[in-house]
Amino acid sequence: MIERILPTAAVAVHTGADADDAYPQESALVARAVPKRQREFAAARWCARRALAGIGHPAGPILTGPHNEPLWPDGVVGSLTHCEGYRAAAVARAGEIASLGIDAEPHLALPEGVLEAVTRPEELPALAELGAAHPAVHWGKVLFSAKESVYKAWFPLQRRKLGFQDAALRFDPQERTFRVAPAPVRPVDGGELLTRMRGRFLVDGGLLVTSVVVED
């Protein structure tokens, strides 16, 4: 499903199953996690290795950096995601795409209180309009997932955190796209980068996926 919202320069692989064939170096990273987390972690990396093979990279462990970000081979950009029943990875050559982020979530309403934490005040009226026009879509969850994808594309280029309140999103329900802009009240360094980001989303059955690409 994730490949439907990525450019042709990216290679994506997904699975609905767990995996237990992680490299020892990978398993050590989640040794203290609950078994469910360990299986999801391994499955996402199983997807990543097959995606990397699609752009000519040999299999190998995919470790994490100090902020829990995946460490890709030189010359590669990529992103991982996992949720209940779905694990995926997407990669591309760095010369073709500068950065990318993907996220998958169950297509369910956000828990109570979360919407206010992840949404800027100026985004709320637009979400209400979208909800009235397209009530079958949980737009709060779409926004949450989209901002997760924004962060995953942002961090490798900026090497610092971006909060939910630091970017404002605007959705086009017909094109299933969204635009990213710096928050008007809390401008952040790297605002030009945010405006370069292009996002897409897709809801299919009980699954929601989003992607963000920064063109090279």
Protein backbone atom coordinates (compact mmCIF):
# COMPACT_ATOMS: atom_id res chain seq x y z
CA MET A 1 0.00 0.00 0.00
CA ILE A 2 2.78 2.44 0.87
CA GLU A 3 4.25 2.20 -2.64
CA ARG A 4 1.06 3.82 -4.00
CA ILE A 5 2.00 7.15 -2.41
CA LEU A 6 5.73 7.22 -3.16
CA PRO A 7 7.60 8.42 -6.26
CA THR A 8 9.05 5.87 -8.65
CA ALA A 9 12.57 6.65 -7.40
CA ALA A 10 11.71 5.03 -4.06
CA VAL A 11 11.53 1.28 -3.44
CA ALA A 12 9.08 0.14 -0.79
CA VAL A 13 8.43 -3.26 0.77
CA HIS A 14 5.72 -4.12 3.25
CA THR A 15 4.47 -7.14 5.15
CA GLY A 16 1.64 -7.99 7.46
CA ALA A 17 3.63 -10.63 9.28
CA ASP A 18 6.17 -10.56 12.07
CA ALA A 19 9.79 -11.64 11.62
CA ASP A 20 12.38 -13.18 13.88
CA ASP A 21 15.45 -13.19 11.62
CA ALA A 22 17.06 -9.99 12.86
CA TYR A 23 20.83 -9.67 12.97
CA PRO A 24 22.30 -10.08 16.46
CA GLN A 25 23.34 -6.41 16.47
CA GLU A 26 19.72 -5.45 15.76
CA SER A 27 18.26 -7.79 18.35
CA ALA A 28 20.54 -6.25 20.97
CA LEU A 29 18.90 -2.87 20.37
CA VAL A 30 15.51 -4.14 21.54
CA ALA A 31 16.64 -6.87 23.93
CA ARG A 32 14.73 -5.28 26.80
CA ALA A 33 11.59 -4.59 24.80
CA VAL A 34 8.45 -6.69 24.99
CA PRO A 35 8.27 -9.55 22.45
CA LYS A 36 5.68 -7.73 20.32
CA ARG A 37 8.01 -4.76 19.91
CA GLN A 38 10.93 -7.06 19.09
CA ARG A 39 8.93 -8.77 16.33
CA GLU A 40 7.76 -5.48 14.83
CA PHE A 41 11.31 -4.14 14.91
CA ALA A 42 12.61 -7.24 13.12
CA ALA A 43 9.82 -7.18 10.54
CA ALA A 44 10.44 -3.55 9.61
CA ARG A 45 14.12 -4.34 9.07
CA TRP A 46 13.21 -7.43 7.05
CA CYS A 47 11.29 -5.04 4.78
CA ALA A 48 14.21 -2.62 4.72
CA ARG A 49 16.72 -5.24 3.59
CA ARG A 50 14.51 -6.25 0.70
CA ALA A 51 13.92 -2.63 -0.24
CA LEU A 52 17.69 -2.01 -0.17
CA ALA A 53 18.21 -4.99 -2.45
CA GLY A 54 15.91 -3.25 -4.90
CA ILE A 55 18.42 -0.42 -5.27
CA GLY A 56 21.44 -2.70 -5.34
CA HIS A 57 22.57 -2.78 -1.70
CA PRO A 58 23.60 -6.04 -0.01
CA ALA A 59 21.91 -7.25 3.15
CA GLY A 60 23.29 -6.12 6.47
CA PRO A 61 22.22 -4.94 9.90
CA ILE A 62 20.32 -1.67 10.15
CA LEU A 63 21.23 -0.09 13.46
CA THR A 64 19.92 3.04 15.14
CA GLY A 65 21.42 6.41 15.98
CA PRO A 66 21.25 8.34 19.26
CA HIS A 67 17.71 9.54 18.53
CA ASN A 68 16.48 6.07 17.56
CA GLU A 69 16.72 6.93 13.88
CA PRO A 70 17.61 4.13 11.44
CA LEU A 71 21.17 4.30 10.14
CA TRP A 72 21.12 3.70 6.40
CA PRO A 73 24.09 2.76 4.18
CA ASP A 74 26.04 5.63 2.65
CA GLY A 75 24.20 7.09 -0.31
CA VAL A 76 20.78 5.89 0.86
CA VAL A 77 17.80 7.68 2.38
CA GLY A 78 14.94 5.77 3.91
CA SER A 79 12.21 5.40 6.47
CA LEU A 80 10.56 2.64 8.51
CA THR A 81 7.11 2.25 10.00
CA HIS A 82 5.05 -0.36 11.75
CA CYS A 83 1.61 -0.60 13.26
CA GLU A 84 -0.83 -3.37 14.05
CA GLY A 85 -0.83 -5.73 11.09
CA TYR A 86 1.46 -3.68 8.85
CA ARG A 87 5.24 -3.13 8.66
CA ALA A 88 6.98 -1.27 5.86
CA ALA A 89 10.21 0.31 4.70
CA ALA A 90 11.01 2.70 1.86
CA VAL A 91 14.43 3.62 0.52
CA ALA A 92 15.92 5.61 -2.35
CA ARG A 93 19.30 6.68 -3.64
CA ALA A 94 20.36 9.94 -2.03
CA GLY A 95 21.15 11.44 -5.42
CA GLU A 96 17.51 11.07 -6.47
CA ILE A 97 15.67 11.99 -3.28
CA ALA A 98 17.06 14.15 -0.48
CA SER A 99 14.94 12.62 2.27
CA LEU A 100 11.71 10.73 2.81
CA GLY A 101 9.41 9.72 5.62
CA ILE A 102 6.61 7.18 5.85
CA ASP A 103 4.08 6.32 8.52
CA ALA A 104 1.29 3.76 8.89
CA GLU A 105 -1.51 3.81 11.44
CA PRO A 106 -4.77 1.97 12.07
CA HIS A 107 -7.52 4.13 10.58
CA LEU A 108 -9.20 4.90 13.89
CA ALA A 109 -10.07 8.09 15.72
CA LEU A 110 -7.37 9.58 17.91
CA PRO A 111 -7.69 8.89 21.62
CA GLU A 112 -9.33 11.65 23.62
CA GLY A 113 -7.04 14.62 24.20
CA VAL A 114 -4.47 13.73 21.54
CA LEU A 115 -5.92 15.94 18.81
CA GLU A 116 -5.32 19.09 20.82
CA ALA A 117 -1.73 18.02 21.51
CA VAL A 118 -0.76 17.47 17.86
CA THR A 119 -2.81 20.15 16.10
CA ARG A 120 -2.17 23.86 15.82
CA PRO A 121 -5.19 26.13 16.50
CA GLU A 122 -5.31 27.31 12.89
CA GLU A 123 -5.49 23.70 11.68
CA LEU A 124 -8.65 22.88 13.65
CA PRO A 125 -11.19 24.75 11.43
CA ALA A 126 -9.82 23.05 8.31
CA LEU A 127 -10.04 19.63 10.00
CA ALA A 128 -13.64 20.35 10.97
CA GLU A 129 -14.47 21.26 7.37
CA LEU A 130 -12.83 18.09 6.11
CA GLY A 131 -14.72 16.03 8.65
CA ALA A 132 -18.04 17.52 7.57
CA ALA A 133 -17.32 16.96 3.87
CA HIS A 134 -15.68 13.53 4.23
CA PRO A 135 -17.00 11.99 7.46
CA ALA A 136 -15.69 8.49 6.69
CA VAL A 137 -12.10 9.69 7.18
CA HIS A 138 -10.58 10.23 10.62
CA TRP A 139 -8.84 13.49 9.75
CA GLY A 140 -7.23 13.93 13.13
CA LYS A 141 -5.46 10.60 12.65
CA VAL A 142 -4.46 11.60 9.11
CA LEU A 143 -2.88 14.77 10.50
CA PHE A 144 -1.10 12.84 13.26
CA SER A 145 0.35 10.35 10.77
CA ALA A 146 1.30 13.09 8.30
CA LYS A 147 3.25 14.95 10.99
CA GLU A 148 5.04 11.72 11.89
CA SER A 149 6.12 11.43 8.25
CA VAL A 150 7.18 15.08 8.22
CA TYR A 151 9.42 14.50 11.22
CA LYS A 152 10.97 11.37 9.70
CA ALA A 153 11.88 13.32 6.56
CA TRP A 154 13.02 16.37 8.55
CA PHE A 155 15.37 14.79 11.08
CA PRO A 156 18.02 13.31 8.74
CA LEU A 157 18.50 16.73 7.13
CA GLN A 158 18.34 18.93 10.24
CA ARG A 159 19.58 16.52 12.93
CA ARG A 160 17.27 18.01 15.53
CA LYS A 161 13.74 17.52 16.72
CA LEU A 162 10.63 19.02 15.20
CA GLY A 163 7.52 19.27 17.37
CA PHE A 164 3.92 18.69 16.35
CA GLN A 165 3.33 22.41 16.88
CA ASP A 166 6.21 23.51 14.65
CA ALA A 167 4.56 22.74 11.31
CA ALA A 168 1.13 23.42 9.87
CA LEU A 169 -0.47 21.10 7.31
CA ARG A 170 -3.10 21.74 4.69
CA PHE A 171 -4.86 18.78 3.06
CA ASP A 172 -6.34 18.35 -0.40
CA PRO A 173 -8.88 15.52 -0.06
CA GLN A 174 -9.37 15.14 -3.81
CA GLU A 175 -5.69 14.76 -4.67
CA ARG A 176 -4.92 13.02 -1.35
CA THR A 177 -1.97 15.33 -0.82
CA PHE A 178 -0.88 17.81 1.83
CA ARG A 179 1.35 20.84 1.98
CA VAL A 180 3.72 21.63 4.83
CA ALA A 181 4.52 25.10 6.14
CA PRO A 182 6.35 26.44 9.19
CA ALA A 183 4.02 27.29 12.02
CA PRO A 184 3.14 31.00 11.66
CA VAL A 185 3.41 31.76 15.37
CA ARG A 186 6.38 29.53 16.19
CA PRO A 187 8.72 29.79 13.20
CA VAL A 188 11.54 27.27 13.23
CA ASP A 189 14.92 27.25 11.56
CA GLY A 190 14.61 25.18 8.43
CA GLY A 191 11.31 26.73 7.40
CA GLU A 192 12.35 26.65 3.77
CA LEU A 193 12.91 22.92 4.09
CA LEU A 194 9.37 22.44 5.40
CA THR A 195 7.88 24.23 2.40
CA ARG A 196 9.86 21.93 0.09
CA MET A 197 8.20 18.87 1.55
CA ARG A 198 5.46 17.19 -0.44
CA GLY A 199 3.10 14.81 1.29
CA ARG A 200 0.56 12.22 0.24
CA PHE A 201 -1.90 10.07 2.19
CA LEU A 202 -4.10 7.07 1.53
CA VAL A 203 -6.86 5.39 3.50
CA ASP A 204 -7.72 1.87 2.45
CA GLY A 205 -9.97 -0.17 4.68
CA GLY A 206 -8.67 -0.06 8.21
CA LEU A 207 -5.21 1.26 7.33
CA LEU A 208 -3.92 4.79 6.88
CA VAL A 209 -0.53 5.54 5.32
CA THR A 210 1.27 8.82 4.74
CA SER A 211 4.50 9.81 3.03
CA VAL A 212 6.65 12.91 2.76
CA VAL A 213 9.37 13.43 0.16
CA VAL A 214 12.04 16.11 -0.09
CA GLU A 215 13.24 16.27 -3.68
CA ASP A 216 16.98 16.47 -4.19
